[in-house]
Amino acid sequence: MKRDILINASPRETRVAILEDDQLVELLVDRPDSRRMVGDVYLGKVEAVLPGIQAAFVNIGTEKSAFLHASDLVFDEDEDPEEPDEDDDEDDAEGKPRSNGGGRRPRKEAPPIQDVLKKGQDLLVQVSKEPISTKGPRVTAQVSLAGRFLVYMPHASRVGVSRKISERDQRRKLKEMAGAVLPPGEGGVIVRTVSEDASQETFGRELSTLMNNWKRIKRKTRFMRAPALIHEETSLTRGLVRDLFSDKVDSLVVDSKPVFHEIQEYLKGIAADELADRVKLYEEPVPLFDRYEIETEIRDLFKRRCDLPSGGYLIIEPTEALVSVDVNSGRFVGKKDPEKTSLKTNVEAAREVARQLRLRDVGGIIVCDFIDMETQSNRDRVLQELRQALSRDRARTKAYQVSDLGLIEMTRQRVRQSHLQSMTAPCPTCAGTGRIFTPETVLRRMERSVKRMASEGKRDPLTVRLHPETALHVLTEEQDLVRKLEKSVGFTLELRDDPLLRPDEFKLVVKGAGRDVTDQYAVA
């Protein structure tokens, strides 16, 4: 598979596009006002310990306190007879910190959190999930420091290998090499995917750097006052080169000279000179993303509808609890066999669903409603197609069997807000619902409010202000509205249009006094 990385960098924004076979599959965006937090290490102060949910809230200096689950505390472990780290894809291609609460099996049952933490206690924690929606960040006390070839875990005692390295002999060799350079009782390591051709000398050099970083972090905690940022994760560009750039990437194209030189220096620092020739500086007048024709795809990220090659389409709807994906055949009607038509659309949809989840950086629970199919073999084929496409995702994913209702439920690791959440804001008119009240509904609400005012014995003449569209509806469809309402309530009304109002908003203003009484009498 051909794989390319494009980096568009400016002082106020860095965008990274990952292409597979010339198709955009992943987009990363970093801005100064929304800095990435995953991997940052803080000295926090415990604000509250909640035994009922076995969790604590830790003040790390962010707007909302961080959430810490008992399973993410540091506690003594027995040796793991099954060595579960063998199956842990610890790097997830980004070196994200571990968190047992993210669907990962705990090593052993954690002690009661109230026996370990007390309110006001200082605690060293690492961000494992950024603030999302109304929730604060999630943190873990099991700090891990990622290098290019190894992830160092000061509080662990095992050597593991990324599950993306599947060959048994290679896994055993890498585990022995990493174990040979790890001092006894000095923590544990995970061997990362890009380490397949690394030497023991390389492991030793990087492990020494990571251990020195850990010693520096511990020293800083002695004179820093909580809450405080102790260690900041590397920049998006350097982290990307560290985690993704290998001999499996055909080219890395960057349109910024400073970033280009930064990447070259980093590659020299990790003795990856063989990759330097694949890094190219883009200096053409046409913008980089326009040159590769991906700017339009980025704009389409925020659309509900996503078209499929055969004529079908997806409708992607994010909600607070989950993301729903509906598959429709659209204009594709096939020839004779409706089962084959459904299968073709569903197979296309399965590939596109996996791509869109990566591209939009959607996480959490996802429910896919594929077109109904009669045969079990066809349903299994669609599920297999989805799983195969998801296997290329850097985030952890899991797709379950087709349910009795024909739905495929799946989960995708979520460590930060989706692009929709981070790059858009709720509509001030519809409050983020995407819907507003019709003029008829607005007028009925206004009527009820006026009648409520009359029921309390008020007889002050009113001016009713409406959006121009609603006022036009009165003039064209309900010309006798004012006359009938005046007769009903016993005082005069005057309708005026106000372009400053939202389309589904109205105002009740007492004449003469100019007092706005909308909130006092408004009813649903």
Protein backbone atom coordinates (compact mmCIF):
# COMPACT_ATOMS: atom_id res chain seq x y z
CA MET A 1 0.00 0.00 0.00
CA LYS A 2 1.30 3.44 -0.95
CA ARG A 3 1.35 5.79 2.02
CA ASP A 4 2.16 9.50 2.07
CA ILE A 5 2.18 12.15 4.79
CA LEU A 6 1.51 15.81 3.99
CA ILE A 7 2.24 18.59 6.51
CA ASN A 8 0.77 22.05 5.97
CA ALA A 9 2.28 24.33 8.63
CA SER A 10 1.66 27.99 9.45
CA PRO A 11 2.24 30.05 12.62
CA ARG A 12 -1.40 29.62 13.72
CA GLU A 13 -2.18 26.09 12.54
CA THR A 14 -0.53 22.82 11.60
CA ARG A 15 -2.46 20.29 9.54
CA VAL A 16 -1.28 16.77 8.80
CA ALA A 17 -2.95 14.65 6.12
CA ILE A 18 -2.25 10.92 5.83
CA LEU A 19 -2.93 9.39 2.41
CA GLU A 20 -3.22 5.70 1.58
CA ASP A 21 -3.17 4.87 -2.13
CA ASP A 22 -3.68 8.61 -2.82
CA GLN A 23 -6.86 8.68 -0.72
CA LEU A 24 -7.17 10.85 2.39
CA VAL A 25 -7.72 8.61 5.42
CA GLU A 26 -6.65 10.72 8.40
CA LEU A 27 -6.41 14.38 9.32
CA LEU A 28 -4.64 15.87 12.33
CA VAL A 29 -5.02 19.53 13.28
CA ASP A 30 -3.04 21.42 15.91
CA ARG A 31 -3.64 25.06 16.90
CA PRO A 32 -2.12 27.18 19.68
CA ASP A 33 -5.55 27.80 21.22
CA SER A 34 -6.38 24.07 21.38
CA ARG A 35 -3.10 22.43 22.26
CA ARG A 36 -3.04 18.64 22.46
CA MET A 37 -2.80 17.39 26.05
CA VAL A 38 -2.56 13.61 25.75
CA GLY A 39 0.78 12.50 27.17
CA ASP A 40 1.35 15.64 29.27
CA VAL A 41 2.41 14.97 32.86
CA TYR A 42 1.03 17.15 35.68
CA LEU A 43 1.52 17.49 39.38
CA GLY A 44 -2.10 17.59 40.47
CA LYS A 45 -3.96 18.03 43.75
CA VAL A 46 -6.74 15.62 44.72
CA GLU A 47 -9.95 17.62 45.06
CA ALA A 48 -12.40 14.85 45.88
CA VAL A 49 -12.36 11.09 46.46
CA LEU A 50 -15.58 9.27 45.55
CA PRO A 51 -15.69 5.71 46.93
CA GLY A 52 -19.11 5.12 45.37
CA ILE A 53 -17.67 5.14 41.86
CA GLN A 54 -14.09 4.29 42.87
CA ALA A 55 -12.75 7.48 41.33
CA ALA A 56 -11.23 10.81 42.25
CA PHE A 57 -11.18 14.30 40.77
CA VAL A 58 -7.75 15.88 40.46
CA ASN A 59 -7.05 19.57 39.91
CA ILE A 60 -4.36 19.87 37.20
CA GLY A 61 -5.04 23.50 36.36
CA THR A 62 -7.58 22.93 33.58
CA GLU A 63 -11.08 24.44 33.50
CA LYS A 64 -12.60 21.20 34.79
CA SER A 65 -10.93 18.81 37.20
CA ALA A 66 -9.47 15.63 35.75
CA PHE A 67 -11.09 12.23 36.33
CA LEU A 68 -8.96 9.44 37.80
CA HIS A 69 -10.33 5.90 38.15
CA ALA A 70 -9.03 3.49 40.78
CA SER A 71 -7.75 1.14 38.05
CA ASP A 72 -5.39 3.89 36.90
CA LEU A 73 -3.63 4.23 40.24
CA VAL A 74 -0.14 2.87 40.87
CA PHE A 75 -0.16 -0.14 43.16
CA ASP A 76 2.01 -3.19 43.68
CA GLU A 77 1.31 -6.00 41.23
CA ASP A 78 2.22 -9.64 41.23
CA GLU A 79 3.95 -10.96 38.17
CA ASP A 80 1.41 -11.50 35.44
CA PRO A 81 1.54 -15.20 34.52
CA GLU A 82 -0.21 -14.57 31.20
CA GLU A 83 1.96 -11.56 30.37
CA PRO A 84 -0.97 -9.61 28.91
CA ASP A 85 1.34 -6.90 27.59
CA GLU A 86 2.13 -9.34 24.79
CA ASP A 87 -1.31 -8.50 23.47
CA ASP A 88 -1.25 -4.80 24.26
CA ASP A 89 -0.83 -2.53 21.29
CA GLU A 90 0.69 -0.06 23.70
CA ASP A 91 1.93 2.44 21.18
CA ASP A 92 -1.29 2.84 19.16
CA ALA A 93 1.08 4.59 16.76
CA GLU A 94 0.98 7.69 18.94
CA GLY A 95 2.55 6.48 22.17
CA LYS A 96 -0.59 7.26 24.14
CA PRO A 97 -0.42 6.65 27.89
CA ARG A 98 -2.04 3.53 29.19
CA SER A 99 -5.41 3.67 30.86
CA ASN A 100 -7.11 0.59 32.25
CA GLY A 101 -10.42 2.39 32.09
CA GLY A 102 -10.34 2.55 28.29
CA GLY A 103 -11.51 -1.02 27.76
CA ARG A 104 -8.17 -2.56 28.77
CA ARG A 105 -8.20 -5.48 31.22
CA PRO A 106 -6.78 -4.46 34.62
CA ARG A 107 -3.71 -6.42 35.76
CA LYS A 108 -5.34 -7.18 39.07
CA GLU A 109 -8.09 -5.69 41.16
CA ALA A 110 -7.16 -2.25 42.39
CA PRO A 111 -7.36 -1.48 46.13
CA PRO A 112 -10.19 0.79 47.32
CA ILE A 113 -9.39 4.29 46.16
CA GLN A 114 -10.21 5.78 49.58
CA ASP A 115 -7.36 3.71 51.05
CA VAL A 116 -4.86 5.16 48.55
CA LEU A 117 -5.87 8.81 48.03
CA LYS A 118 -6.89 11.59 50.39
CA LYS A 119 -8.32 15.02 49.61
CA GLY A 120 -5.58 17.63 49.28
CA GLN A 121 -2.91 15.07 48.39
CA ASP A 122 -0.41 15.90 45.61
CA LEU A 123 -0.33 13.31 42.83
CA LEU A 124 1.69 12.91 39.63
CA VAL A 125 -0.66 12.08 36.75
CA GLN A 126 -0.60 11.88 32.96
CA VAL A 127 -3.42 12.88 30.61
CA SER A 128 -4.84 9.87 28.78
CA LYS A 129 -7.95 11.54 27.34
CA GLU A 130 -8.57 15.20 26.59
CA PRO A 131 -11.69 17.12 27.70
CA ILE A 132 -14.66 16.10 25.58
CA SER A 133 -18.03 17.86 25.59
CA THR A 134 -18.99 18.47 29.24
CA LYS A 135 -16.33 16.16 30.68
CA GLY A 136 -12.92 17.15 31.94
CA PRO A 137 -9.71 15.32 30.99
CA ARG A 138 -9.06 11.75 32.09
CA VAL A 139 -5.75 11.01 33.77
CA THR A 140 -3.74 8.03 34.94
CA ALA A 141 -1.09 7.73 37.63
CA GLN A 142 0.58 4.99 35.57
CA VAL A 143 2.88 7.35 33.68
CA SER A 144 4.44 6.13 30.43
CA LEU A 145 7.02 7.92 28.28
CA ALA A 146 7.08 7.17 24.57
CA GLY A 147 10.18 7.06 22.39
CA ARG A 148 10.44 6.00 18.78
CA PHE A 149 11.20 2.35 19.55
CA LEU A 150 10.16 1.89 23.17
CA VAL A 151 7.53 3.03 25.64
CA TYR A 152 9.03 3.28 29.11
CA MET A 153 6.72 2.60 32.08
CA PRO A 154 8.39 3.52 35.39
CA HIS A 155 5.74 1.82 37.52
CA ALA A 156 5.57 -1.48 35.58
CA SER A 157 7.84 -4.51 35.72
CA ARG A 158 7.27 -6.27 32.42
CA VAL A 159 8.61 -6.26 28.88
CA GLY A 160 5.92 -6.36 26.19
CA VAL A 161 5.79 -6.22 22.41
CA SER A 162 3.27 -4.42 20.22
CA ARG A 163 0.68 -6.84 18.89
CA LYS A 164 1.15 -5.38 15.41
CA ILE A 165 4.40 -7.36 15.32
CA SER A 166 2.83 -10.76 14.69
CA GLU A 167 5.76 -13.10 13.94
CA ARG A 168 6.46 -15.18 17.05
CA ASP A 169 10.25 -15.48 16.62
CA GLN A 170 10.57 -11.74 15.99
CA ARG A 171 8.51 -10.96 19.09
CA ARG A 172 10.68 -13.22 21.24
CA LYS A 173 13.89 -11.69 19.85
CA LEU A 174 12.71 -8.11 20.46
CA LYS A 175 11.54 -8.97 23.96
CA GLU A 176 14.92 -10.46 24.83
CA MET A 177 16.75 -7.42 23.43
CA ALA A 178 14.60 -4.98 25.39
CA GLY A 179 14.90 -7.06 28.56
CA ALA A 180 18.69 -7.09 28.22
CA VAL A 181 18.95 -3.29 28.33
CA LEU A 182 16.35 -2.75 31.07
CA PRO A 183 17.97 -2.48 34.52
CA PRO A 184 16.31 -4.78 37.09
CA GLY A 185 13.69 -3.04 39.19
CA GLU A 186 13.78 0.11 37.05
CA GLY A 187 10.34 -0.23 35.43
CA GLY A 188 9.03 -1.90 32.28
CA VAL A 189 8.96 -1.28 28.54
CA ILE A 190 6.83 -1.93 25.50
CA VAL A 191 8.57 -2.55 22.19
CA ARG A 192 6.86 -0.45 19.51
CA THR A 193 5.87 -1.48 16.01
CA VAL A 194 8.66 0.41 14.21
CA SER A 195 11.27 -1.55 16.20
CA GLU A 196 11.30 -4.62 13.95
CA ASP A 197 14.75 -3.78 12.55
CA ALA A 198 16.14 -1.95 15.56
CA SER A 199 19.33 -3.10 17.32
CA GLN A 200 19.96 -3.72 20.99
CA GLU A 201 22.30 -0.73 21.01
CA THR A 202 19.45 1.47 19.72
CA PHE A 203 17.17 0.16 22.45
CA GLY A 204 19.76 0.91 25.10
CA ARG A 205 20.39 4.44 23.88
CA GLU A 206 16.69 5.33 23.74
CA LEU A 207 15.86 3.69 27.05
CA SER A 208 18.61 5.71 28.72
CA THR A 209 17.08 8.92 27.33
CA LEU A 210 13.58 7.97 28.52
CA MET A 211 14.81 7.02 31.99
CA ASN A 212 16.66 10.33 32.28
CA ASN A 213 13.43 12.12 31.31
CA TRP A 214 11.64 10.28 34.12
CA LYS A 215 14.32 11.27 36.63
CA ARG A 216 13.97 14.89 35.50
CA ILE A 217 10.18 14.70 35.97
CA LYS A 218 10.57 13.37 39.51
CA ARG A 219 13.09 16.09 40.38
CA LYS A 220 10.74 18.82 39.18
CA THR A 221 7.94 17.57 41.46
CA ARG A 222 10.08 18.44 44.49
CA PHE A 223 10.01 22.19 43.92
CA MET A 224 6.81 22.64 41.85
CA ARG A 225 3.55 23.54 43.53
CA ALA A 226 0.37 21.73 42.42
CA PRO A 227 -1.34 22.16 40.05
CA ALA A 228 1.55 22.42 37.58
CA LEU A 229 2.57 21.11 34.16
CA ILE A 230 5.68 19.00 34.74
CA HIS A 231 6.34 17.46 31.31
CA GLU A 232 4.87 18.42 27.95
CA GLU A 233 4.40 15.85 25.20
CA THR A 234 6.32 16.52 22.01
CA SER A 235 4.82 18.66 19.24
CA LEU A 236 2.39 17.24 16.69
CA THR A 237 5.03 17.17 13.95
CA ARG A 238 7.78 15.54 15.99
CA GLY A 239 5.30 13.09 17.52
CA LEU A 240 4.05 12.16 14.07
CA VAL A 241 7.57 11.50 12.77
CA ARG A 242 8.37 9.54 15.94
CA ASP A 243 5.27 7.38 15.76
CA LEU A 244 4.44 7.02 12.08
CA PHE A 245 7.38 7.80 9.82
CA SER A 246 9.07 4.54 8.88
CA ASP A 247 10.12 2.62 5.78
CA LYS A 248 6.42 1.86 5.26
CA VAL A 249 5.84 5.53 4.39
CA ASP A 250 6.74 6.44 0.80
CA SER A 251 7.10 10.18 1.31
CA LEU A 252 6.67 12.99 3.82
CA VAL A 253 5.98 16.34 2.15
CA VAL A 254 6.08 19.56 4.17
CA ASP A 255 5.50 23.12 2.98
CA SER A 256 7.37 24.92 5.79
CA LYS A 257 11.16 25.32 5.83
CA PRO A 258 11.42 25.51 9.67
CA VAL A 259 9.36 22.31 10.05
CA PHE A 260 11.36 20.63 7.26
CA HIS A 261 14.64 21.37 9.05
CA GLU A 262 13.14 20.30 12.39
CA ILE A 263 12.22 16.91 10.91
CA GLN A 264 15.66 16.48 9.35
CA GLU A 265 17.36 17.24 12.68
CA TYR A 266 15.08 14.82 14.52
CA LEU A 267 15.86 12.01 12.04
CA LYS A 268 19.58 12.61 12.54
CA GLY A 269 19.07 12.48 16.29
CA ILE A 270 17.47 9.04 16.14
CA ALA A 271 19.97 7.74 13.54
CA ALA A 272 17.28 7.37 10.87
CA ASP A 273 19.30 8.87 8.03
CA GLU A 274 17.85 6.34 5.60
CA LEU A 275 14.48 8.09 5.94
CA ALA A 276 15.83 11.59 5.32
CA ASP A 277 15.63 11.17 1.53
CA ARG A 278 11.88 10.59 1.81
CA VAL A 279 11.31 14.00 3.39
CA LYS A 280 10.58 16.62 0.73
CA LEU A 281 10.17 20.38 1.01
CA TYR A 282 7.20 21.66 -1.04
CA GLU A 283 7.85 25.10 -2.53
CA GLU A 284 5.40 25.37 -5.43
CA PRO A 285 3.00 28.37 -5.59
CA VAL A 286 -0.09 26.13 -5.54
CA PRO A 287 -0.99 25.32 -1.88
CA LEU A 288 0.10 21.84 -0.83
CA PHE A 289 -3.35 20.49 -0.01
CA ASP A 290 -4.76 21.91 -3.26
CA ARG A 291 -1.97 20.24 -5.18
CA TYR A 292 -3.02 16.86 -3.78
CA GLU A 293 -6.74 17.68 -4.20
CA ILE A 294 -7.69 17.04 -0.59
CA GLU A 295 -8.97 20.46 0.50
CA THR A 296 -12.46 19.61 -0.79
CA GLU A 297 -12.47 16.34 1.16
CA ILE A 298 -11.59 18.23 4.33
CA ARG A 299 -14.54 20.60 3.80
CA ASP A 300 -16.80 17.57 3.38
CA LEU A 301 -15.81 16.29 6.84
CA PHE A 302 -18.67 18.20 8.43
CA LYS A 303 -21.44 17.05 6.09
CA ARG A 304 -24.01 14.53 7.24
CA ARG A 305 -24.11 12.84 3.87
CA CYS A 306 -21.22 10.87 2.38
CA ASP A 307 -21.65 9.43 -1.13
CA LEU A 308 -20.53 5.93 -2.15
CA PRO A 309 -19.05 5.02 -5.58
CA SER A 310 -22.06 2.97 -6.75
CA GLY A 311 -24.63 5.68 -5.98
CA GLY A 312 -25.49 4.79 -2.39
CA TYR A 313 -24.69 7.07 0.53
CA LEU A 314 -24.11 7.25 4.28
CA ILE A 315 -25.82 9.54 6.77
CA ILE A 316 -23.55 10.15 9.78
CA GLU A 317 -25.24 11.62 12.86
CA PRO A 318 -23.19 12.32 16.03
CA THR A 319 -25.20 12.45 19.28
CA GLU A 320 -24.24 12.82 22.94
CA ALA A 321 -24.38 9.05 23.57
CA LEU A 322 -23.19 7.57 20.28
CA VAL A 323 -22.67 8.09 16.55
CA SER A 324 -25.23 6.57 14.20
CA VAL A 325 -24.38 5.64 10.61
CA ASP A 326 -27.25 4.86 8.23
CA VAL A 327 -26.52 3.13 4.90
CA ASN A 328 -28.83 3.89 1.96
CA SER A 329 -28.80 2.43 -1.55
CA GLY A 330 -29.70 5.82 -3.07
CA ARG A 331 -29.87 5.77 -6.83
CA PHE A 332 -28.12 2.39 -7.06
CA VAL A 333 -30.86 -0.16 -7.80
CA GLY A 334 -28.79 -2.97 -9.32
CA LYS A 335 -30.13 -5.23 -12.06
CA LYS A 336 -32.21 -8.19 -10.95
CA ASP A 337 -31.09 -9.62 -7.62
CA PRO A 338 -31.88 -7.26 -4.69
CA GLU A 339 -29.62 -9.30 -2.38
CA LYS A 340 -26.60 -8.63 -4.62
CA THR A 341 -27.56 -4.96 -4.77
CA SER A 342 -27.66 -4.75 -0.97
CA LEU A 343 -24.40 -6.67 -0.63
CA LYS A 344 -22.54 -4.41 -3.07
CA THR A 345 -23.76 -1.26 -1.33
CA ASN A 346 -22.99 -2.64 2.13
CA VAL A 347 -19.45 -3.73 1.20
CA GLU A 348 -18.74 -0.25 -0.19
CA ALA A 349 -20.31 1.28 2.91
CA ALA A 350 -18.19 -0.87 5.27
CA ARG A 351 -14.97 0.44 3.70
CA GLU A 352 -16.21 4.03 3.72
CA VAL A 353 -17.46 3.83 7.33
CA ALA A 354 -13.99 2.81 8.50
CA ARG A 355 -12.41 5.64 6.49
CA GLN A 356 -14.85 8.28 7.70
CA LEU A 357 -14.38 7.32 11.35
CA ARG A 358 -10.63 7.80 10.98
CA LEU A 359 -10.99 10.96 8.93
CA ARG A 360 -13.48 12.62 11.27
CA ASP A 361 -11.68 11.24 14.35
CA VAL A 362 -14.95 9.91 15.72
CA GLY A 363 -14.77 7.86 18.92
CA GLY A 364 -16.94 6.12 21.47
CA ILE A 365 -19.91 3.94 20.56
CA ILE A 366 -20.86 3.73 16.88
CA VAL A 367 -23.96 1.99 15.53
CA CYS A 368 -24.10 1.18 11.80
CA ASP A 369 -27.46 0.41 10.19
CA PHE A 370 -26.60 -1.48 7.01
CA ILE A 371 -29.16 -2.45 4.36
CA ASP A 372 -30.99 -5.65 5.33
CA MET A 373 -29.65 -8.87 3.79
CA GLU A 374 -31.26 -12.30 3.82
CA THR A 375 -28.26 -14.65 3.99
CA GLN A 376 -25.94 -15.04 6.95
CA SER A 377 -22.93 -15.46 4.66
CA ASN A 378 -23.50 -11.99 3.19
CA ARG A 379 -23.87 -10.44 6.64
CA ASP A 380 -20.64 -12.10 7.70
CA ARG A 381 -18.89 -10.81 4.60
CA VAL A 382 -19.90 -7.23 5.36
CA LEU A 383 -18.70 -7.58 8.97
CA GLN A 384 -15.40 -9.05 7.76
CA GLU A 385 -14.99 -6.19 5.28
CA LEU A 386 -15.59 -3.67 8.05
CA ARG A 387 -13.11 -5.33 10.40
CA GLN A 388 -10.47 -5.55 7.70
CA ALA A 389 -10.85 -1.85 6.91
CA LEU A 390 -10.73 -0.99 10.63
CA SER A 391 -7.49 -2.93 11.06
CA ARG A 392 -5.63 -0.06 9.37
CA ASP A 393 -6.88 2.39 12.01
CA ARG A 394 -4.29 3.60 14.52
CA ALA A 395 -6.98 3.86 17.23
CA ARG A 396 -8.22 0.71 18.93
CA THR A 397 -11.49 -0.51 17.45
CA LYS A 398 -13.85 -3.42 17.99
CA ALA A 399 -16.80 -4.40 15.79
CA TYR A 400 -19.40 -6.85 17.10
CA GLN A 401 -21.56 -9.37 15.27
CA VAL A 402 -24.60 -8.22 13.31
CA SER A 403 -27.52 -7.92 15.74
CA ASP A 404 -31.03 -9.29 15.29
CA LEU A 405 -32.07 -5.85 14.07
CA GLY A 406 -29.39 -5.87 11.37
CA LEU A 407 -27.13 -3.39 13.21
CA ILE A 408 -23.38 -3.56 13.69
CA GLU A 409 -22.29 -2.07 16.98
CA MET A 410 -18.67 -1.04 17.39
CA THR A 411 -16.37 1.06 19.54
CA ARG A 412 -13.43 3.27 18.61
CA GLN A 413 -10.85 4.62 21.01
CA ARG A 414 -11.45 8.27 21.80
CA VAL A 415 -8.73 10.41 23.35
CA ARG A 416 -9.82 13.87 22.14
CA GLN A 417 -12.73 15.67 20.55
CA SER A 418 -13.73 14.82 17.00
CA HIS A 419 -13.00 17.39 14.28
CA LEU A 420 -16.69 18.33 14.32
CA GLN A 421 -16.55 19.14 18.04
CA SER A 422 -13.19 20.93 17.97
CA MET A 423 -13.67 22.98 14.78
CA THR A 424 -17.34 23.95 15.03
CA ALA A 425 -19.59 25.54 17.66
CA PRO A 426 -23.29 24.98 18.44
CA CYS A 427 -25.65 27.08 16.34
CA PRO A 428 -26.88 30.03 18.45
CA THR A 429 -30.28 29.84 16.76
CA CYS A 430 -31.07 26.14 17.00
CA ALA A 431 -28.87 25.44 20.09
CA GLY A 432 -27.06 22.75 18.17
CA THR A 433 -30.12 20.67 17.27
CA GLY A 434 -30.09 21.61 13.60
CA ARG A 435 -33.81 22.44 13.83
CA ILE A 436 -35.78 25.63 14.59
CA PHE A 437 -39.48 26.24 15.25
CA THR A 438 -41.66 27.02 12.25
CA PRO A 439 -43.43 30.44 12.03
CA GLU A 440 -46.73 28.74 12.94
CA THR A 441 -45.19 27.26 16.10
CA VAL A 442 -43.66 30.61 17.06
CA LEU A 443 -47.04 32.35 16.72
CA ARG A 444 -48.81 29.72 18.83
CA ARG A 445 -46.18 30.14 21.56
CA MET A 446 -46.63 33.90 21.37
CA GLU A 447 -50.44 33.53 21.67
CA ARG A 448 -50.11 31.37 24.78
CA SER A 449 -47.73 33.88 26.38
CA VAL A 450 -50.09 36.80 25.74
CA LYS A 451 -53.04 34.86 27.14
CA ARG A 452 -51.01 33.94 30.21
CA MET A 453 -50.35 37.65 30.78
CA ALA A 454 -54.07 38.38 30.47
CA SER A 455 -54.95 35.60 32.92
CA GLU A 456 -52.92 37.43 35.58
CA GLY A 457 -55.04 40.56 35.11
CA LYS A 458 -52.54 42.55 33.07
CA ARG A 459 -54.14 44.95 30.58
CA ASP A 460 -51.13 46.97 29.37
CA PRO A 461 -50.97 47.44 25.58
CA LEU A 462 -48.24 45.27 24.08
CA THR A 463 -45.86 45.49 21.16
CA VAL A 464 -45.08 42.03 19.82
CA ARG A 465 -41.78 41.85 17.95
CA LEU A 466 -41.27 39.00 15.48
CA HIS A 467 -38.61 37.94 13.03
CA PRO A 468 -39.45 39.31 9.52
CA GLU A 469 -40.18 35.81 8.22
CA THR A 470 -42.71 35.19 10.99
CA ALA A 471 -44.24 38.65 10.51
CA LEU A 472 -44.61 37.92 6.78
CA HIS A 473 -46.41 34.70 7.62
CA VAL A 474 -48.93 36.72 9.67
CA LEU A 475 -49.57 39.09 6.76
CA THR A 476 -50.02 36.32 4.19
CA GLU A 477 -51.54 33.43 6.15
CA GLU A 478 -53.09 34.74 9.40
CA GLN A 479 -54.28 38.30 8.71
CA ASP A 480 -56.93 38.21 11.44
CA LEU A 481 -54.56 36.93 14.14
CA VAL A 482 -54.14 40.27 15.95
CA ARG A 483 -57.85 41.13 15.87
CA LYS A 484 -58.90 37.77 17.34
CA LEU A 485 -56.16 37.81 19.97
CA GLU A 486 -57.06 41.39 21.07
CA LYS A 487 -60.67 40.35 21.45
CA SER A 488 -59.63 37.35 23.54
CA VAL A 489 -57.33 39.16 25.97
CA GLY A 490 -58.98 42.57 26.20
CA PHE A 491 -56.05 44.87 25.39
CA THR A 492 -54.41 46.18 22.24
CA LEU A 493 -51.54 44.49 20.41
CA GLU A 494 -49.15 45.85 17.81
CA LEU A 495 -46.99 43.54 15.65
CA ARG A 496 -43.58 44.73 14.46
CA ASP A 497 -40.84 42.93 12.60
CA ASP A 498 -37.35 42.88 14.11
CA PRO A 499 -34.49 41.52 11.95
CA LEU A 500 -32.26 41.28 15.03
CA LEU A 501 -34.37 38.44 16.44
CA ARG A 502 -33.69 34.79 15.71
CA PRO A 503 -36.19 33.16 13.30
CA ASP A 504 -37.93 31.29 16.12
CA GLU A 505 -37.80 34.10 18.69
CA PHE A 506 -40.36 36.73 19.74
CA LYS A 507 -40.44 39.62 22.22
CA LEU A 508 -43.30 41.04 24.31
CA VAL A 509 -42.72 44.72 25.15
CA VAL A 510 -45.09 46.85 27.27
CA LYS A 511 -45.93 50.02 25.34
CA GLY A 512 -44.99 53.30 26.95
CA ALA A 513 -42.78 51.75 29.62
CA GLY A 514 -40.76 49.85 26.99
CA ARG A 515 -40.40 46.97 29.45
CA ASP A 516 -39.57 43.53 28.02
CA VAL A 517 -41.79 40.94 29.73
CA THR A 518 -41.05 38.00 27.43
CA ASP A 519 -39.23 35.88 30.00
CA GLN A 520 -41.92 36.57 32.59
CA TYR A 521 -44.79 35.24 30.50
CA ALA A 522 -43.22 33.00 27.86
CA VAL A 523 -44.61 29.47 27.79
CA ALA A 524 -43.78 26.44 25.68
